[in-house]
Amino acid sequence: NAPEQEVIGSFRLFPLRTAWAITVHKSQGLTFDRAAI
């Protein structure tokens, strides 16, 4: 009777994005060495 997680879908891709720029919202929780704000 315990909750269990069931995988119902997946998304597979290289874990990369082009990175000359990114929004503040999408950068939350990320760590950068150098940034222009």
Full PDB file with SEQRES, HELIX, SHEET, SSBOND, CRYST1, ORIGX, SCALE, CONECT and MASTER records, all heavy atoms in Angstrom:
SEQRES   1 A   37  ASN ALA PRO GLU GLN GLU VAL ILE GLY SER PHE ARG LEU          
SEQRES   2 A   37  PHE PRO LEU ARG THR ALA TRP ALA ILE THR VAL HIS LYS          
SEQRES   3 A   37  SER GLN GLY LEU THR PHE ASP ARG ALA ALA ILE                  
HELIX    1 AA1 VAL A   24  SER A   27  1                                   4    
CRYST1    1.000    1.000    1.000  90.00  90.00  90.00 P 1           1          
ORIGX1      1.000000  0.000000  0.000000        0.00000                         
ORIGX2      0.000000  1.000000  0.000000        0.00000                         
ORIGX3      0.000000  0.000000  1.000000        0.00000                         
SCALE1      1.000000  0.000000  0.000000        0.00000                         
SCALE2      0.000000  1.000000  0.000000        0.00000                         
SCALE3      0.000000  0.000000  1.000000        0.00000                         
ATOM      1  N   ASN A   1       0.807  -1.222   0.000  1.00  0.00           N  
ATOM      2  CA  ASN A   1       0.000   0.000   0.000  1.00  0.00           C  
ATOM      3  C   ASN A   1       0.843   1.276   0.000  1.00  0.00           C  
ATOM      4  O   ASN A   1       0.348   2.357   0.289  1.00  0.00           O  
ATOM      5  CB  ASN A   1      -0.965   0.035   1.199  1.00  0.00           C  
ATOM      6  CG  ASN A   1      -2.167  -0.866   0.986  1.00  0.00           C  
ATOM      7  OD1 ASN A   1      -2.576  -1.102  -0.148  1.00  0.00           O  
ATOM      8  ND2 ASN A   1      -2.721  -1.368   2.075  1.00  0.00           N  
ATOM      9  N   ALA A   2       2.129   1.148  -0.299  1.00  0.00           N  
ATOM     10  CA  ALA A   2       3.027   2.311  -0.335  1.00  0.00           C  
ATOM     11  C   ALA A   2       3.013   2.929  -1.732  1.00  0.00           C  
ATOM     12  O   ALA A   2       2.848   2.229  -2.734  1.00  0.00           O  
ATOM     13  CB  ALA A   2       4.444   1.891   0.031  1.00  0.00           C  
ATOM     14  N   PRO A   3       3.188   4.260  -1.829  1.00  0.00           N  
ATOM     15  CA  PRO A   3       3.284   4.905  -3.147  1.00  0.00           C  
ATOM     16  C   PRO A   3       4.528   4.423  -3.891  1.00  0.00           C  
ATOM     17  O   PRO A   3       5.599   4.269  -3.300  1.00  0.00           O  
ATOM     18  CB  PRO A   3       3.385   6.394  -2.811  1.00  0.00           C  
ATOM     19  CG  PRO A   3       2.893   6.527  -1.409  1.00  0.00           C  
ATOM     20  CD  PRO A   3       3.253   5.242  -0.732  1.00  0.00           C  
ATOM     21  N   GLU A   4       4.365   4.189  -5.175  1.00  0.00           N  
ATOM     22  CA  GLU A   4       5.479   3.799  -6.036  1.00  0.00           C  
ATOM     23  C   GLU A   4       5.474   4.683  -7.275  1.00  0.00           C  
ATOM     24  O   GLU A   4       4.415   5.081  -7.757  1.00  0.00           O  
ATOM     25  CB  GLU A   4       5.353   2.342  -6.478  1.00  0.00           C  
ATOM     26  CG  GLU A   4       5.668   1.329  -5.426  1.00  0.00           C  
ATOM     27  CD  GLU A   4       5.640  -0.084  -5.989  1.00  0.00           C  
ATOM     28  OE1 GLU A   4       4.967  -0.313  -7.013  1.00  0.00           O  
ATOM     29  OE2 GLU A   4       6.291  -0.956  -5.398  1.00  0.00           O  
ATOM     30  N   GLN A   5       6.661   4.963  -7.780  1.00  0.00           N  
ATOM     31  CA  GLN A   5       6.760   5.718  -9.017  1.00  0.00           C  
ATOM     32  C   GLN A   5       6.744   4.774 -10.213  1.00  0.00           C  
ATOM     33  O   GLN A   5       7.444   3.772 -10.234  1.00  0.00           O  
ATOM     34  CB  GLN A   5       8.038   6.551  -9.046  1.00  0.00           C  
ATOM     35  CG  GLN A   5       7.981   7.807  -8.195  1.00  0.00           C  
ATOM     36  CD  GLN A   5       9.138   8.746  -8.489  1.00  0.00           C  
ATOM     37  OE1 GLN A   5      10.114   8.386  -9.138  1.00  0.00           O  
ATOM     38  NE2 GLN A   5       9.035   9.980  -8.004  1.00  0.00           N  
ATOM     39  N   GLU A   6       5.931   5.125 -11.188  1.00  0.00           N  
ATOM     40  CA  GLU A   6       5.870   4.378 -12.444  1.00  0.00           C  
ATOM     41  C   GLU A   6       6.290   5.314 -13.568  1.00  0.00           C  
ATOM     42  O   GLU A   6       5.751   6.425 -13.704  1.00  0.00           O  
ATOM     43  CB  GLU A   6       4.454   3.868 -12.688  1.00  0.00           C  
ATOM     44  CG  GLU A   6       4.262   3.198 -14.033  1.00  0.00           C  
ATOM     45  CD  GLU A   6       2.800   2.898 -14.335  1.00  0.00           C  
ATOM     46  OE1 GLU A   6       1.933   3.209 -13.500  1.00  0.00           O  
ATOM     47  OE2 GLU A   6       2.537   2.361 -15.427  1.00  0.00           O  
ATOM     48  N   VAL A   7       7.272   4.906 -14.356  1.00  0.00           N  
ATOM     49  CA  VAL A   7       7.722   5.723 -15.482  1.00  0.00           C  
ATOM     50  C   VAL A   7       6.709   5.580 -16.613  1.00  0.00           C  
ATOM     51  O   VAL A   7       6.415   4.484 -17.068  1.00  0.00           O  
ATOM     52  CB  VAL A   7       9.118   5.281 -15.956  1.00  0.00           C  
ATOM     53  CG1 VAL A   7       9.523   6.051 -17.215  1.00  0.00           C  
ATOM     54  CG2 VAL A   7      10.154   5.500 -14.860  1.00  0.00           C  
ATOM     55  N   ILE A   8       6.172   6.719 -17.063  1.00  0.00           N  
ATOM     56  CA  ILE A   8       5.164   6.680 -18.121  1.00  0.00           C  
ATOM     57  C   ILE A   8       5.655   7.316 -19.421  1.00  0.00           C  
ATOM     58  O   ILE A   8       4.975   7.233 -20.438  1.00  0.00           O  
ATOM     59  CB  ILE A   8       3.859   7.368 -17.666  1.00  0.00           C  
ATOM     60  CG1 ILE A   8       4.114   8.825 -17.278  1.00  0.00           C  
ATOM     61  CG2 ILE A   8       3.230   6.596 -16.521  1.00  0.00           C  
ATOM     62  CD1 ILE A   8       2.846   9.595 -16.932  1.00  0.00           C  
ATOM     63  N   GLY A   9       6.831   7.943 -19.363  1.00  0.00           N  
ATOM     64  CA  GLY A   9       7.380   8.534 -20.575  1.00  0.00           C  
ATOM     65  C   GLY A   9       8.826   8.912 -20.378  1.00  0.00           C  
ATOM     66  O   GLY A   9       9.309   9.020 -19.248  1.00  0.00           O  
ATOM     67  N   SER A  10       9.530   9.109 -21.495  1.00  0.00           N  
ATOM     68  CA  SER A  10      10.947   9.473 -21.389  1.00  0.00           C  
ATOM     69  C   SER A  10      11.342  10.425 -22.506  1.00  0.00           C  
ATOM     70  O   SER A  10      10.706  10.490 -23.562  1.00  0.00           O  
ATOM     71  CB  SER A  10      11.835   8.220 -21.436  1.00  0.00           C  
ATOM     72  OG  SER A  10      11.707   7.566 -22.694  1.00  0.00           O  
ATOM     73  N   PHE A  11      12.413  11.163 -22.239  1.00  0.00           N  
ATOM     74  CA  PHE A  11      12.973  12.145 -23.181  1.00  0.00           C  
ATOM     75  C   PHE A  11      14.480  11.949 -23.135  1.00  0.00           C  
ATOM     76  O   PHE A  11      15.095  12.116 -22.082  1.00  0.00           O  
ATOM     77  CB  PHE A  11      12.586  13.552 -22.720  1.00  0.00           C  
ATOM     78  CG  PHE A  11      13.128  14.685 -23.556  1.00  0.00           C  
ATOM     79  CD1 PHE A  11      12.302  15.375 -24.428  1.00  0.00           C  
ATOM     80  CD2 PHE A  11      14.455  15.102 -23.441  1.00  0.00           C  
ATOM     81  CE1 PHE A  11      12.786  16.453 -25.173  1.00  0.00           C  
ATOM     82  CE2 PHE A  11      14.946  16.159 -24.179  1.00  0.00           C  
ATOM     83  CZ  PHE A  11      14.106  16.839 -25.060  1.00  0.00           C  
ATOM     84  N   ARG A  12      15.091  11.564 -24.271  1.00  0.00           N  
ATOM     85  CA  ARG A  12      16.534  11.295 -24.297  1.00  0.00           C  
ATOM     86  C   ARG A  12      17.215  12.189 -25.322  1.00  0.00           C  
ATOM     87  O   ARG A  12      16.803  12.275 -26.484  1.00  0.00           O  
ATOM     88  CB  ARG A  12      16.809   9.824 -24.618  1.00  0.00           C  
ATOM     89  CG  ARG A  12      18.311   9.483 -24.677  1.00  0.00           C  
ATOM     90  CD  ARG A  12      18.562   8.001 -24.853  1.00  0.00           C  
ATOM     91  NE  ARG A  12      18.304   7.273 -23.618  1.00  0.00           N  
ATOM     92  CZ  ARG A  12      19.171   7.146 -22.621  1.00  0.00           C  
ATOM     93  NH1 ARG A  12      20.362   7.740 -22.683  1.00  0.00           N  
ATOM     94  NH2 ARG A  12      18.867   6.433 -21.562  1.00  0.00           N  
ATOM     95  N   LEU A  13      18.271  12.873 -24.862  1.00  0.00           N  
ATOM     96  CA  LEU A  13      19.033  13.774 -25.720  1.00  0.00           C  
ATOM     97  C   LEU A  13      20.368  14.066 -25.045  1.00  0.00           C  
ATOM     98  O   LEU A  13      20.542  13.798 -23.855  1.00  0.00           O  
ATOM     99  CB  LEU A  13      18.254  15.078 -25.941  1.00  0.00           C  
ATOM    100  CG  LEU A  13      18.777  16.078 -26.980  1.00  0.00           C  
ATOM    101  CD1 LEU A  13      18.825  15.469 -28.372  1.00  0.00           C  
ATOM    102  CD2 LEU A  13      17.910  17.338 -26.996  1.00  0.00           C  
ATOM    103  N   PHE A  14      21.303  14.619 -25.789  1.00  0.00           N  
ATOM    104  CA  PHE A  14      22.546  15.076 -25.169  1.00  0.00           C  
ATOM    105  C   PHE A  14      22.204  16.171 -24.148  1.00  0.00           C  
ATOM    106  O   PHE A  14      21.439  17.090 -24.470  1.00  0.00           O  
ATOM    107  CB  PHE A  14      23.519  15.619 -26.220  1.00  0.00           C  
ATOM    108  CG  PHE A  14      24.028  14.583 -27.178  1.00  0.00           C  
ATOM    109  CD1 PHE A  14      23.542  14.519 -28.475  1.00  0.00           C  
ATOM    110  CD2 PHE A  14      24.984  13.661 -26.774  1.00  0.00           C  
ATOM    111  CE1 PHE A  14      23.999  13.552 -29.362  1.00  0.00           C  
ATOM    112  CE2 PHE A  14      25.451  12.683 -27.652  1.00  0.00           C  
ATOM    113  CZ  PHE A  14      24.957  12.625 -28.950  1.00  0.00           C  
ATOM    114  N   PRO A  15      22.741  16.104 -22.920  1.00  0.00           N  
ATOM    115  CA  PRO A  15      22.378  17.072 -21.875  1.00  0.00           C  
ATOM    116  C   PRO A  15      23.118  18.396 -22.046  1.00  0.00           C  
ATOM    117  O   PRO A  15      23.868  18.842 -21.181  1.00  0.00           O  
ATOM    118  CB  PRO A  15      22.798  16.357 -20.590  1.00  0.00           C  
ATOM    119  CG  PRO A  15      23.962  15.511 -20.993  1.00  0.00           C  
ATOM    120  CD  PRO A  15      23.666  15.057 -22.408  1.00  0.00           C  
ATOM    121  N   LEU A  16      22.891  19.033 -23.199  1.00  0.00           N  
ATOM    122  CA  LEU A  16      23.583  20.266 -23.556  1.00  0.00           C  
ATOM    123  C   LEU A  16      22.590  21.275 -24.128  1.00  0.00           C  
ATOM    124  O   LEU A  16      21.588  20.890 -24.743  1.00  0.00           O  
ATOM    125  CB  LEU A  16      24.655  20.005 -24.621  1.00  0.00           C  
ATOM    126  CG  LEU A  16      25.797  19.044 -24.284  1.00  0.00           C  
ATOM    127  CD1 LEU A  16      26.572  18.706 -25.559  1.00  0.00           C  
ATOM    128  CD2 LEU A  16      26.721  19.640 -23.232  1.00  0.00           C  
ATOM    129  N   ARG A  17      22.884  22.550 -23.932  1.00  0.00           N  
ATOM    130  CA  ARG A  17      22.180  23.608 -24.640  1.00  0.00           C  
ATOM    131  C   ARG A  17      23.210  24.639 -25.073  1.00  0.00           C  
ATOM    132  O   ARG A  17      24.267  24.789 -24.445  1.00  0.00           O  
ATOM    133  CB  ARG A  17      21.083  24.240 -23.793  1.00  0.00           C  
ATOM    134  CG  ARG A  17      21.589  25.036 -22.619  1.00  0.00           C  
ATOM    135  CD  ARG A  17      20.503  25.956 -22.058  1.00  0.00           C  
ATOM    136  NE  ARG A  17      19.516  25.255 -21.245  1.00  0.00           N  
ATOM    137  CZ  ARG A  17      18.228  25.234 -21.512  1.00  0.00           C  
ATOM    138  NH1 ARG A  17      17.765  25.852 -22.579  1.00  0.00           N  
ATOM    139  NH2 ARG A  17      17.390  24.602 -20.723  1.00  0.00           N  
ATOM    140  N   THR A  18      22.922  25.353 -26.177  1.00  0.00           N  
ATOM    141  CA  THR A  18      23.829  26.432 -26.574  1.00  0.00           C  
ATOM    142  C   THR A  18      23.854  27.462 -25.451  1.00  0.00           C  
ATOM    143  O   THR A  18      22.837  27.741 -24.812  1.00  0.00           O  
ATOM    144  CB  THR A  18      23.375  27.070 -27.893  1.00  0.00           C  
ATOM    145  OG1 THR A  18      21.992  27.404 -27.827  1.00  0.00           O  
ATOM    146  CG2 THR A  18      23.617  26.127 -29.059  1.00  0.00           C  
ATOM    147  N   ALA A  19      25.036  28.026 -25.211  1.00  0.00           N  
ATOM    148  CA  ALA A  19      25.214  28.757 -23.948  1.00  0.00           C  
ATOM    149  C   ALA A  19      25.942  30.074 -24.091  1.00  0.00           C  
ATOM    150  O   ALA A  19      26.751  30.437 -23.251  1.00  0.00           O  
ATOM    151  CB  ALA A  19      25.938  27.869 -22.942  1.00  0.00           C  
ATOM    152  N   TRP A  20      25.647  30.808 -25.150  1.00  0.00           N  
ATOM    153  CA  TRP A  20      26.094  32.189 -25.148  1.00  0.00           C  
ATOM    154  C   TRP A  20      25.180  33.013 -24.238  1.00  0.00           C  
ATOM    155  O   TRP A  20      25.585  34.028 -23.709  1.00  0.00           O  
ATOM    156  CB  TRP A  20      26.087  32.750 -26.561  1.00  0.00           C  
ATOM    157  CG  TRP A  20      27.175  32.210 -27.438  1.00  0.00           C  
ATOM    158  CD1 TRP A  20      28.479  32.633 -27.502  1.00  0.00           C  
ATOM    159  CD2 TRP A  20      27.054  31.141 -28.381  1.00  0.00           C  
ATOM    160  NE1 TRP A  20      29.167  31.892 -28.428  1.00  0.00           N  
ATOM    161  CE2 TRP A  20      28.324  30.973 -28.994  1.00  0.00           C  
ATOM    162  CE3 TRP A  20      26.010  30.306 -28.792  1.00  0.00           C  
ATOM    163  CZ2 TRP A  20      28.556  30.017 -29.979  1.00  0.00           C  
ATOM    164  CZ3 TRP A  20      26.240  29.354 -29.763  1.00  0.00           C  
ATOM    165  CH2 TRP A  20      27.506  29.216 -30.346  1.00  0.00           C  
ATOM    166  N   ALA A  21      23.917  32.538 -24.082  1.00  0.00           N  
ATOM    167  CA  ALA A  21      22.962  33.255 -23.232  1.00  0.00           C  
ATOM    168  C   ALA A  21      21.916  32.294 -22.682  1.00  0.00           C  
ATOM    169  O   ALA A  21      21.634  31.250 -23.287  1.00  0.00           O  
ATOM    170  CB  ALA A  21      22.283  34.375 -24.009  1.00  0.00           C  
ATOM    171  N   ILE A  22      21.331  32.676 -21.536  1.00  0.00           N  
ATOM    172  CA  ILE A  22      20.270  31.900 -20.907  1.00  0.00           C  
ATOM    173  C   ILE A  22      19.440  32.859 -20.053  1.00  0.00           C  
ATOM    174  O   ILE A  22      19.942  33.905 -19.623  1.00  0.00           O  
ATOM    175  CB  ILE A  22      20.861  30.758 -20.028  1.00  0.00           C  
ATOM    176  CG1 ILE A  22      19.764  29.799 -19.561  1.00  0.00           C  
ATOM    177  CG2 ILE A  22      21.635  31.321 -18.842  1.00  0.00           C  
ATOM    178  CD1 ILE A  22      20.315  28.582 -18.824  1.00  0.00           C  
ATOM    179  N   THR A  23      18.173  32.549 -19.836  1.00  0.00           N  
ATOM    180  CA  THR A  23      17.359  33.432 -19.001  1.00  0.00           C  
ATOM    181  C   THR A  23      17.655  33.192 -17.522  1.00  0.00           C  
ATOM    182  O   THR A  23      18.124  32.130 -17.123  1.00  0.00           O  
ATOM    183  CB  THR A  23      15.854  33.205 -19.224  1.00  0.00           C  
ATOM    184  OG1 THR A  23      15.509  31.875 -18.825  1.00  0.00           O  
ATOM    185  CG2 THR A  23      15.470  33.445 -20.667  1.00  0.00           C  
ATOM    186  N   VAL A  24      17.344  34.205 -16.717  1.00  0.00           N  
ATOM    187  CA  VAL A  24      17.509  34.092 -15.271  1.00  0.00           C  
ATOM    188  C   VAL A  24      16.685  32.922 -14.734  1.00  0.00           C  
ATOM    189  O   VAL A  24      17.151  32.151 -13.900  1.00  0.00           O  
ATOM    190  CB  VAL A  24      17.095  35.416 -14.581  1.00  0.00           C  
ATOM    191  CG1 VAL A  24      17.059  35.249 -13.069  1.00  0.00           C  
ATOM    192  CG2 VAL A  24      18.045  36.532 -14.969  1.00  0.00           C  
ATOM    193  N   HIS A  25      15.446  32.777 -15.233  1.00  0.00           N  
ATOM    194  CA  HIS A  25      14.579  31.699 -14.739  1.00  0.00           C  
ATOM    195  C   HIS A  25      15.205  30.324 -14.976  1.00  0.00           C  
ATOM    196  O   HIS A  25      15.210  29.475 -14.098  1.00  0.00           O  
ATOM    197  CB  HIS A  25      13.205  31.769 -15.410  1.00  0.00           C  
ATOM    198  CG  HIS A  25      12.291  32.788 -14.809  1.00  0.00           C  
ATOM    199  ND1 HIS A  25      12.511  34.143 -14.949  1.00  0.00           N  
ATOM    200  CD2 HIS A  25      11.159  32.656 -14.063  1.00  0.00           C  
ATOM    201  CE1 HIS A  25      11.547  34.812 -14.322  1.00  0.00           C  
ATOM    202  NE2 HIS A  25      10.723  33.933 -13.775  1.00  0.00           N  
ATOM    203  N   LYS A  26      15.744  30.123 -16.185  1.00  0.00           N  
ATOM    204  CA  LYS A  26      16.315  28.815 -16.512  1.00  0.00           C  
ATOM    205  C   LYS A  26      17.670  28.597 -15.854  1.00  0.00           C  
ATOM    206  O   LYS A  26      18.146  27.466 -15.770  1.00  0.00           O  
ATOM    207  CB  LYS A  26      16.435  28.661 -18.030  1.00  0.00           C  
ATOM    208  CG  LYS A  26      15.085  28.487 -18.711  1.00  0.00           C  
ATOM    209  CD  LYS A  26      15.223  28.374 -20.221  1.00  0.00           C  
ATOM    210  CE  LYS A  26      13.854  28.231 -20.866  1.00  0.00           C  
ATOM    211  NZ  LYS A  26      13.935  28.238 -22.355  1.00  0.00           N  
ATOM    212  N   SER A  27      18.291  29.682 -15.376  1.00  0.00           N  
ATOM    213  CA  SER A  27      19.609  29.538 -14.750  1.00  0.00           C  
ATOM    214  C   SER A  27      19.505  29.210 -13.263  1.00  0.00           C  
ATOM    215  O   SER A  27      20.520  28.935 -12.620  1.00  0.00           O  
ATOM    216  CB  SER A  27      20.428  30.824 -14.923  1.00  0.00           C  
ATOM    217  OG  SER A  27      19.927  31.859 -14.080  1.00  0.00           O  
ATOM    218  N   GLN A  28      18.290  29.247 -12.707  1.00  0.00           N  
ATOM    219  CA  GLN A  28      18.146  29.016 -11.269  1.00  0.00           C  
ATOM    220  C   GLN A  28      18.698  27.639 -10.898  1.00  0.00           C  
ATOM    221  O   GLN A  28      18.345  26.627 -11.473  1.00  0.00           O  
ATOM    222  CB  GLN A  28      16.680  29.111 -10.847  1.00  0.00           C  
ATOM    223  CG  GLN A  28      16.487  29.039  -9.335  1.00  0.00           C  
ATOM    224  CD  GLN A  28      15.057  29.382  -8.930  1.00  0.00           C  
ATOM    225  OE1 GLN A  28      14.290  29.894  -9.727  1.00  0.00           O  
ATOM    226  NE2 GLN A  28      14.708  29.094  -7.703  1.00  0.00           N  
ATOM    227  N   GLY A  29      19.598  27.628  -9.911  1.00  0.00           N  
ATOM    228  CA  GLY A  29      20.188  26.375  -9.452  1.00  0.00           C  
ATOM    229  C   GLY A  29      21.446  25.967 -10.198  1.00  0.00           C  
ATOM    230  O   GLY A  29      22.072  24.976  -9.837  1.00  0.00           O  
ATOM    231  N   LEU A  30      21.829  26.719 -11.233  1.00  0.00           N  
ATOM    232  CA  LEU A  30      23.038  26.383 -11.983  1.00  0.00           C  
ATOM    233  C   LEU A  30      24.243  27.107 -11.395  1.00  0.00           C  
ATOM    234  O   LEU A  30      24.109  28.082 -10.659  1.00  0.00           O  
ATOM    235  CB  LEU A  30      22.876  26.771 -13.457  1.00  0.00           C  
ATOM    236  CG  LEU A  30      21.676  26.192 -14.205  1.00  0.00           C  
ATOM    237  CD1 LEU A  30      21.721  26.600 -15.671  1.00  0.00           C  
ATOM    238  CD2 LEU A  30      21.621  24.672 -14.081  1.00  0.00           C  
ATOM    239  N   THR A  31      25.431  26.614 -11.743  1.00  0.00           N  
ATOM    240  CA  THR A  31      26.679  27.203 -11.254  1.00  0.00           C  
ATOM    241  C   THR A  31      27.529  27.624 -12.444  1.00  0.00           C  
ATOM    242  O   THR A  31      27.856  26.794 -13.292  1.00  0.00           O  
ATOM    243  CB  THR A  31      27.462  26.185 -10.396  1.00  0.00           C  
ATOM    244  OG1 THR A  31      26.653  25.769  -9.297  1.00  0.00           O  
ATOM    245  CG2 THR A  31      28.745  26.798  -9.865  1.00  0.00           C  
ATOM    246  N   PHE A  32      27.871  28.910 -12.518  1.00  0.00           N  
ATOM    247  CA  PHE A  32      28.704  29.434 -13.599  1.00  0.00           C  
ATOM    248  C   PHE A  32      29.994  30.010 -13.031  1.00  0.00           C  
ATOM    249  O   PHE A  32      29.995  30.601 -11.954  1.00  0.00           O  
ATOM    250  CB  PHE A  32      27.970  30.553 -14.365  1.00  0.00           C  
ATOM    251  CG  PHE A  32      26.653  30.136 -14.952  1.00  0.00           C  
ATOM    252  CD1 PHE A  32      25.489  30.801 -14.589  1.00  0.00           C  
ATOM    253  CD2 PHE A  32      26.563  29.102 -15.856  1.00  0.00           C  
ATOM    254  CE1 PHE A  32      24.271  30.440 -15.126  1.00  0.00           C  
ATOM    255  CE2 PHE A  32      25.355  28.719 -16.394  1.00  0.00           C  
ATOM    256  CZ  PHE A  32      24.203  29.387 -16.027  1.00  0.00           C  
ATOM    257  N   ASP A  33      31.077  29.845 -13.784  1.00  0.00           N  
ATOM    258  CA  ASP A  33      32.354  30.439 -13.382  1.00  0.00           C  
ATOM    259  C   ASP A  33      32.420  31.911 -13.767  1.00  0.00           C  
ATOM    260  O   ASP A  33      32.974  32.732 -13.039  1.00  0.00           O  
ATOM    261  CB  ASP A  33      33.515  29.681 -14.034  1.00  0.00           C  
ATOM    262  CG  ASP A  33      33.630  28.255 -13.517  1.00  0.00           C  
ATOM    263  OD1 ASP A  33      33.429  28.059 -12.306  1.00  0.00           O  
ATOM    264  OD2 ASP A  33      33.902  27.351 -14.329  1.00  0.00           O  
ATOM    265  N   ARG A  34      31.862  32.255 -14.937  1.00  0.00           N  
ATOM    266  CA  ARG A  34      31.912  33.618 -15.433  1.00  0.00           C  
ATOM    267  C   ARG A  34      30.574  33.950 -16.099  1.00  0.00           C  
ATOM    268  O   ARG A  34      30.071  33.146 -16.898  1.00  0.00           O  
ATOM    269  CB  ARG A  34      33.055  33.800 -16.452  1.00  0.00           C  
ATOM    270  CG  ARG A  34      34.439  33.635 -15.848  1.00  0.00           C  
ATOM    271  CD  ARG A  34      35.537  33.817 -16.891  1.00  0.00           C  
ATOM    272  NE  ARG A  34      35.598  32.692 -17.813  1.00  0.00           N  
ATOM    273  CZ  ARG A  34      36.248  31.554 -17.551  1.00  0.00           C  
ATOM    274  NH1 ARG A  34      36.866  31.408 -16.399  1.00  0.00           N  
ATOM    275  NH2 ARG A  34      36.287  30.589 -18.440  1.00  0.00           N  
ATOM    276  N   ALA A  35      30.035  35.110 -15.800  1.00  0.00           N  
ATOM    277  CA  ALA A  35      28.741  35.482 -16.381  1.00  0.00           C  
ATOM    278  C   ALA A  35      28.688  36.979 -16.649  1.00  0.00           C  
ATOM    279  O   ALA A  35      29.237  37.782 -15.897  1.00  0.00           O  
ATOM    280  CB  ALA A  35      27.602  35.090 -15.443  1.00  0.00           C  
ATOM    281  N   ALA A  36      28.010  37.337 -17.747  1.00  0.00           N  
ATOM    282  CA  ALA A  36      27.672  38.727 -18.045  1.00  0.00           C  
ATOM    283  C   ALA A  36      26.174  38.844 -17.806  1.00  0.00           C  
ATOM    284  O   ALA A  36      25.387  38.081 -18.359  1.00  0.00           O  
ATOM    285  CB  ALA A  36      28.017  39.066 -19.493  1.00  0.00           C  
ATOM    286  N   ILE A  37      25.776  39.807 -16.969  1.00  0.00           N  
ATOM    287  CA  ILE A  37      24.389  39.857 -16.513  1.00  0.00           C  
ATOM    288  C   ILE A  37      23.688  41.079 -17.105  1.00  0.00           C  
ATOM    289  O   ILE A  37      24.075  42.222 -16.850  1.00  0.00           O  
ATOM    290  CB  ILE A  37      24.330  39.895 -14.968  1.00  0.00           C  
ATOM    291  CG1 ILE A  37      25.089  38.687 -14.406  1.00  0.00           C  
ATOM    292  CG2 ILE A  37      22.893  39.895 -14.489  1.00  0.00           C  
ATOM    293  CD1 ILE A  37      25.221  38.699 -12.895  1.00  0.00           C  
TER     294      ILE A  37                                                      
MASTER        0    0    0    1    0    0    0    6  293    1    0    3          
END                                                                             
